[in-house]
């Protein structure tokens, strides 16, 4: 009897790599007040945060300056 391969419970995605060490350091900094705002229970990141992070995460963020 041939068994079908099982599907994984979760698919792991590799995180995008920052283009430089400087950008990687910026991504480890704490959040600043200009980086986000609250909309009800949701934390919404601003374009300033995305630019400081230095790359697009492909999550269709509302204020993504890379799209």
PDB file of N, CA and C in Angstrom:
ATOM      1  N   UNK A   1       0.834  -1.170   0.000  1.00  0.00           N
ATOM      2  CA  UNK A   1       0.000   0.000   0.000  1.00  0.00           C
ATOM      3  C   UNK A   1       0.889   1.248   0.000  1.00  0.00           C
ATOM      4  N   UNK A   2       0.608   2.189  -0.900  1.00  0.00           N
ATOM      5  CA  UNK A   2       1.391   3.407  -1.019  1.00  0.00           C
ATOM      6  C   UNK A   2       0.753   4.489  -0.159  1.00  0.00           C
ATOM      7  N   UNK A   3       1.595   5.126   0.663  1.00  0.00           N
ATOM      8  CA  UNK A   3       1.101   6.195   1.529  1.00  0.00           C
ATOM      9  C   UNK A   3       1.428   7.552   0.920  1.00  0.00           C
ATOM     10  N   UNK A   4       0.468   8.455   1.017  1.00  0.00           N
ATOM     11  CA  UNK A   4       0.696   9.813   0.550  1.00  0.00           C
ATOM     12  C   UNK A   4       1.524  10.562   1.590  1.00  0.00           C
ATOM     13  N   UNK A   5       2.419  11.452   1.132  1.00  0.00           N
ATOM     14  CA  UNK A   5       3.161  12.251   2.120  1.00  0.00           C
ATOM     15  C   UNK A   5       2.217  13.164   2.885  1.00  0.00           C
ATOM     16  N   UNK A   6       2.481  13.342   4.156  1.00  0.00           N
ATOM     17  CA  UNK A   6       1.636  14.195   4.985  1.00  0.00           C
ATOM     18  C   UNK A   6       1.996  15.653   4.772  1.00  0.00           C
ATOM     19  N   UNK A   7       0.983  16.506   4.826  1.00  0.00           N
ATOM     20  CA  UNK A   7       1.208  17.943   4.728  1.00  0.00           C
ATOM     21  C   UNK A   7       1.681  18.454   6.079  1.00  0.00           C
ATOM     22  N   UNK A   8       2.611  19.409   6.070  1.00  0.00           N
ATOM     23  CA  UNK A   8       3.049  19.966   7.355  1.00  0.00           C
ATOM     24  C   UNK A   8       1.932  20.795   7.986  1.00  0.00           C
ATOM     25  N   UNK A   9       1.914  20.845   9.326  1.00  0.00           N
ATOM     26  CA  UNK A   9       0.920  21.644  10.044  1.00  0.00           C
ATOM     27  C   UNK A   9       1.148  23.132   9.815  1.00  0.00           C
ATOM     28  N   UNK A  10       2.399  23.525   9.707  1.00  0.00           N
ATOM     29  CA  UNK A  10       2.771  24.923   9.508  1.00  0.00           C
ATOM     30  C   UNK A  10       3.841  25.013   8.440  1.00  0.00           C
ATOM     31  N   UNK A  11       3.766  26.020   7.633  1.00  0.00           N
ATOM     32  CA  UNK A  11       4.807  26.252   6.642  1.00  0.00           C
ATOM     33  C   UNK A  11       5.719  27.345   7.173  1.00  0.00           C
ATOM     34  N   UNK A  12       6.978  27.045   7.281  1.00  0.00           N
ATOM     35  CA  UNK A  12       7.950  28.016   7.764  1.00  0.00           C
ATOM     36  C   UNK A  12       8.460  28.841   6.591  1.00  0.00           C
ATOM     37  N   UNK A  13       8.398  30.153   6.729  1.00  0.00           N
ATOM     38  CA  UNK A  13       8.912  31.054   5.704  1.00  0.00           C
ATOM     39  C   UNK A  13      10.192  31.685   6.209  1.00  0.00           C
ATOM     40  N   UNK A  14      11.164  31.758   5.333  1.00  0.00           N
ATOM     41  CA  UNK A  14      12.416  32.415   5.696  1.00  0.00           C
ATOM     42  C   UNK A  14      12.188  33.926   5.752  1.00  0.00           C
ATOM     43  N   UNK A  15      12.700  34.564   6.773  1.00  0.00           N
ATOM     44  CA  UNK A  15      12.572  36.016   6.899  1.00  0.00           C
ATOM     45  C   UNK A  15      13.466  36.683   5.859  1.00  0.00           C
ATOM     46  N   UNK A  16      12.989  37.759   5.253  1.00  0.00           N
ATOM     47  CA  UNK A  16      13.834  38.461   4.296  1.00  0.00           C
ATOM     48  C   UNK A  16      15.070  39.025   4.984  1.00  0.00           C
ATOM     49  N   UNK A  17      16.164  39.007   4.288  1.00  0.00           N
ATOM     50  CA  UNK A  17      17.421  39.481   4.853  1.00  0.00           C
ATOM     51  C   UNK A  17      17.635  40.950   4.541  1.00  0.00           C
ATOM     52  N   UNK A  18      17.994  41.754   5.538  1.00  0.00           N
ATOM     53  CA  UNK A  18      18.304  43.160   5.277  1.00  0.00           C
ATOM     54  C   UNK A  18      19.482  43.276   4.321  1.00  0.00           C
ATOM     55  N   UNK A  19      19.512  44.368   3.563  1.00  0.00           N
ATOM     56  CA  UNK A  19      20.541  44.561   2.547  1.00  0.00           C
ATOM     57  C   UNK A  19      21.901  44.904   3.142  1.00  0.00           C
ATOM     58  N   UNK A  20      21.949  45.404   4.361  1.00  0.00           N
ATOM     59  CA  UNK A  20      23.245  45.767   4.938  1.00  0.00           C
ATOM     60  C   UNK A  20      23.225  45.578   6.447  1.00  0.00           C
ATOM     61  N   UNK A  21      24.407  45.590   7.041  1.00  0.00           N
ATOM     62  CA  UNK A  21      24.532  45.465   8.495  1.00  0.00           C
ATOM     63  C   UNK A  21      23.889  46.660   9.185  1.00  0.00           C
ATOM     64  N   UNK A  22      24.021  47.854   8.573  1.00  0.00           N
ATOM     65  CA  UNK A  22      23.427  49.062   9.142  1.00  0.00           C
ATOM     66  C   UNK A  22      21.914  48.907   9.251  1.00  0.00           C
ATOM     67  N   UNK A  23      21.295  48.376   8.212  1.00  0.00           N
ATOM     68  CA  UNK A  23      19.844  48.171   8.239  1.00  0.00           C
ATOM     69  C   UNK A  23      19.465  47.114   9.258  1.00  0.00           C
ATOM     70  N   UNK A  24      20.283  46.078   9.397  1.00  0.00           N
ATOM     71  CA  UNK A  24      19.997  45.033  10.381  1.00  0.00           C
ATOM     72  C   UNK A  24      20.032  45.613  11.784  1.00  0.00           C
ATOM     73  N   UNK A  25      20.964  46.507  12.051  1.00  0.00           N
ATOM     74  CA  UNK A  25      21.049  47.136  13.372  1.00  0.00           C
ATOM     75  C   UNK A  25      19.814  47.985  13.632  1.00  0.00           C
ATOM     76  N   UNK A  26      19.325  48.685  12.610  1.00  0.00           N
ATOM     77  CA  UNK A  26      18.140  49.529  12.770  1.00  0.00           C
ATOM     78  C   UNK A  26      16.913  48.690  13.098  1.00  0.00           C
ATOM     79  N   UNK A  27      16.844  47.468  12.577  1.00  0.00           N
ATOM     80  CA  UNK A  27      15.663  46.640  12.820  1.00  0.00           C
ATOM     81  C   UNK A  27      15.605  46.121  14.258  1.00  0.00           C
ATOM     82  N   UNK A  28      16.718  46.174  14.984  1.00  0.00           N
ATOM     83  CA  UNK A  28      16.745  45.700  16.366  1.00  0.00           C
ATOM     84  C   UNK A  28      16.514  46.816  17.381  1.00  0.00           C
ATOM     85  N   UNK A  29      16.316  48.038  16.918  1.00  0.00           N
ATOM     86  CA  UNK A  29      16.082  49.162  17.815  1.00  0.00           C
ATOM     87  C   UNK A  29      14.655  49.099  18.353  1.00  0.00           C
ATOM     88  N   UNK A  30      14.412  49.678  19.537  1.00  0.00           N
ATOM     89  CA  UNK A  30      13.041  49.708  20.060  1.00  0.00           C
ATOM     90  C   UNK A  30      12.155  50.617  19.214  1.00  0.00           C
ATOM     91  N   UNK A  31      10.855  50.394  19.303  1.00  0.00           N
ATOM     92  CA  UNK A  31       9.905  51.216  18.556  1.00  0.00           C
ATOM     93  C   UNK A  31       9.900  52.644  19.082  1.00  0.00           C
ATOM     94  N   UNK A  32       9.781  53.586  18.162  1.00  0.00           N
ATOM     95  CA  UNK A  32       9.667  55.004  18.497  1.00  0.00           C
ATOM     96  C   UNK A  32       8.207  55.411  18.351  1.00  0.00           C
ATOM     97  N   UNK A  33       7.794  56.520  18.960  1.00  0.00           N
ATOM     98  CA  UNK A  33       6.398  56.956  18.831  1.00  0.00           C
ATOM     99  C   UNK A  33       5.977  57.214  17.382  1.00  0.00           C
ATOM    100  N   UNK A  34       6.911  57.648  16.519  1.00  0.00           N
ATOM    101  CA  UNK A  34       6.552  57.905  15.128  1.00  0.00           C
ATOM    102  C   UNK A  34       6.518  56.639  14.274  1.00  0.00           C
ATOM    103  N   UNK A  35       6.827  55.479  14.860  1.00  0.00           N
ATOM    104  CA  UNK A  35       6.855  54.218  14.122  1.00  0.00           C
ATOM    105  C   UNK A  35       5.490  53.547  13.986  1.00  0.00           C
ATOM    106  N   UNK A  36       4.534  53.908  14.821  1.00  0.00           N
ATOM    107  CA  UNK A  36       3.257  53.189  14.813  1.00  0.00           C
ATOM    108  C   UNK A  36       2.156  54.047  15.411  1.00  0.00           C
ATOM    109  N   UNK A  37       0.928  53.609  15.204  1.00  0.00           N
ATOM    110  CA  UNK A  37      -0.224  54.181  15.902  1.00  0.00           C
ATOM    111  C   UNK A  37      -1.219  53.050  16.132  1.00  0.00           C
ATOM    112  N   UNK A  38      -2.112  53.244  17.061  1.00  0.00           N
ATOM    113  CA  UNK A  38      -3.115  52.229  17.384  1.00  0.00           C
ATOM    114  C   UNK A  38      -4.406  52.558  16.645  1.00  0.00           C
ATOM    115  N   UNK A  39      -4.996  51.542  16.058  1.00  0.00           N
ATOM    116  CA  UNK A  39      -6.300  51.679  15.418  1.00  0.00           C
ATOM    117  C   UNK A  39      -7.177  50.588  16.036  1.00  0.00           C
ATOM    118  N   UNK A  40      -7.913  50.982  17.066  1.00  0.00           N
ATOM    119  CA  UNK A  40      -8.660  49.986  17.839  1.00  0.00           C
ATOM    120  C   UNK A  40      -7.640  49.082  18.525  1.00  0.00           C
ATOM    121  N   UNK A  41      -7.797  47.758  18.410  1.00  0.00           N
ATOM    122  CA  UNK A  41      -6.848  46.842  19.051  1.00  0.00           C
ATOM    123  C   UNK A  41      -5.604  46.571  18.202  1.00  0.00           C
ATOM    124  N   UNK A  42      -5.490  47.217  17.023  1.00  0.00           N
ATOM    125  CA  UNK A  42      -4.418  46.907  16.085  1.00  0.00           C
ATOM    126  C   UNK A  42      -3.278  47.919  16.132  1.00  0.00           C
ATOM    127  N   UNK A  43      -2.067  47.427  16.045  1.00  0.00           N
ATOM    128  CA  UNK A  43      -0.870  48.240  15.946  1.00  0.00           C
ATOM    129  C   UNK A  43      -0.593  48.424  14.457  1.00  0.00           C
ATOM    130  N   UNK A  44      -0.537  49.674  13.986  1.00  0.00           N
ATOM    131  CA  UNK A  44      -0.329  49.957  12.561  1.00  0.00           C
ATOM    132  C   UNK A  44       1.024  50.645  12.421  1.00  0.00           C
ATOM    133  N   UNK A  45       1.924  50.036  11.632  1.00  0.00           N
ATOM    134  CA  UNK A  45       3.243  50.611  11.418  1.00  0.00           C
ATOM    135  C   UNK A  45       3.182  51.694  10.354  1.00  0.00           C
ATOM    136  N   UNK A  46       3.949  52.764  10.569  1.00  0.00           N
ATOM    137  CA  UNK A  46       3.977  53.890   9.640  1.00  0.00           C
ATOM    138  C   UNK A  46       5.076  53.675   8.592  1.00  0.00           C
ATOM    139  N   UNK A  47       5.064  54.531   7.553  1.00  0.00           N
ATOM    140  CA  UNK A  47       6.099  54.464   6.526  1.00  0.00           C
ATOM    141  C   UNK A  47       7.476  54.733   7.134  1.00  0.00           C
ATOM    142  N   UNK A  48       7.542  55.601   8.151  1.00  0.00           N
ATOM    143  CA  UNK A  48       8.822  55.891   8.817  1.00  0.00           C
ATOM    144  C   UNK A  48       9.430  54.614   9.395  1.00  0.00           C
ATOM    145  N   UNK A  49       8.599  53.771   9.995  1.00  0.00           N
ATOM    146  CA  UNK A  49       9.094  52.508  10.545  1.00  0.00           C
ATOM    147  C   UNK A  49       9.620  51.603   9.436  1.00  0.00           C
ATOM    148  N   UNK A  50       8.848  51.473   8.362  1.00  0.00           N
ATOM    149  CA  UNK A  50       9.249  50.588   7.259  1.00  0.00           C
ATOM    150  C   UNK A  50      10.556  51.067   6.624  1.00  0.00           C
ATOM    151  N   UNK A  51      10.710  52.368   6.441  1.00  0.00           N
ATOM    152  CA  UNK A  51      11.946  52.889   5.858  1.00  0.00           C
ATOM    153  C   UNK A  51      13.138  52.641   6.769  1.00  0.00           C
ATOM    154  N   UNK A  52      12.944  52.796   8.072  1.00  0.00           N
ATOM    155  CA  UNK A  52      14.034  52.543   9.021  1.00  0.00           C
ATOM    156  C   UNK A  52      14.402  51.059   9.043  1.00  0.00           C
ATOM    157  N   UNK A  53      13.394  50.196   8.880  1.00  0.00           N
ATOM    158  CA  UNK A  53      13.651  48.751   8.845  1.00  0.00           C
ATOM    159  C   UNK A  53      14.483  48.401   7.618  1.00  0.00           C
ATOM    160  N   UNK A  54      14.183  49.025   6.475  1.00  0.00           N
ATOM    161  CA  UNK A  54      15.049  48.883   5.313  1.00  0.00           C
ATOM    162  C   UNK A  54      14.676  47.854   4.272  1.00  0.00           C
ATOM    163  N   UNK A  55      13.564  47.145   4.423  1.00  0.00           N
ATOM    164  CA  UNK A  55      13.163  46.179   3.408  1.00  0.00           C
ATOM    165  C   UNK A  55      11.670  45.904   3.519  1.00  0.00           C
ATOM    166  N   UNK A  56      11.111  45.330   2.466  1.00  0.00           N
ATOM    167  CA  UNK A  56       9.685  44.978   2.441  1.00  0.00           C
ATOM    168  C   UNK A  56       9.507  43.543   2.935  1.00  0.00           C
ATOM    169  N   UNK A  57       8.516  43.331   3.786  1.00  0.00           N
ATOM    170  CA  UNK A  57       8.259  41.987   4.315  1.00  0.00           C
ATOM    171  C   UNK A  57       7.198  41.245   3.506  1.00  0.00           C
ATOM    172  N   UNK A  58       6.642  41.885   2.476  1.00  0.00           N
ATOM    173  CA  UNK A  58       5.615  41.293   1.603  1.00  0.00           C
ATOM    174  C   UNK A  58       4.356  40.878   2.359  1.00  0.00           C
ATOM    175  N   UNK A  59       3.981  41.657   3.372  1.00  0.00           N
ATOM    176  CA  UNK A  59       2.774  41.376   4.141  1.00  0.00           C
ATOM    177  C   UNK A  59       1.634  42.331   3.795  1.00  0.00           C
ATOM    178  N   UNK A  60       1.787  43.095   2.707  1.00  0.00           N
ATOM    179  CA  UNK A  60       0.763  44.041   2.268  1.00  0.00           C
ATOM    180  C   UNK A  60       0.453  45.074   3.351  1.00  0.00           C
ATOM    181  N   UNK A  61       1.491  45.614   3.982  1.00  0.00           N
ATOM    182  CA  UNK A  61       1.316  46.617   5.033  1.00  0.00           C
ATOM    183  C   UNK A  61       0.665  47.879   4.458  1.00  0.00           C
ATOM    184  N   UNK A  62      -0.178  48.502   5.234  1.00  0.00           N
ATOM    185  CA  UNK A  62      -0.941  49.677   4.798  1.00  0.00           C
ATOM    186  C   UNK A  62      -0.055  50.823   4.353  1.00  0.00           C
ATOM    187  N   UNK A  63       1.045  51.086   5.078  1.00  0.00           N
ATOM    188  CA  UNK A  63       1.890  52.239   4.779  1.00  0.00           C
ATOM    189  C   UNK A  63       3.236  51.845   4.181  1.00  0.00           C
ATOM    190  N   UNK A  64       3.293  50.739   3.484  1.00  0.00           N
ATOM    191  CA  UNK A  64       4.567  50.256   2.913  1.00  0.00           C
ATOM    192  C   UNK A  64       5.062  51.209   1.830  1.00  0.00           C
ATOM    193  N   UNK A  65       6.267  51.771   1.997  1.00  0.00           N
ATOM    194  CA  UNK A  65       6.805  52.679   0.977  1.00  0.00           C
ATOM    195  C   UNK A  65       7.483  51.921  -0.158  1.00  0.00           C
ATOM    196  N   UNK A  66       7.587  50.596  -0.057  1.00  0.00           N
ATOM    197  CA  UNK A  66       8.278  49.798  -1.062  1.00  0.00           C
ATOM    198  C   UNK A  66       7.345  49.257  -2.144  1.00  0.00           C
ATOM    199  N   UNK A  67       6.045  49.419  -1.987  1.00  0.00           N
ATOM    200  CA  UNK A  67       5.082  48.894  -2.978  1.00  0.00           C
ATOM    201  C   UNK A  67       4.566  49.992  -3.851  1.00  0.00           C
TER     202      UNK A  67
END
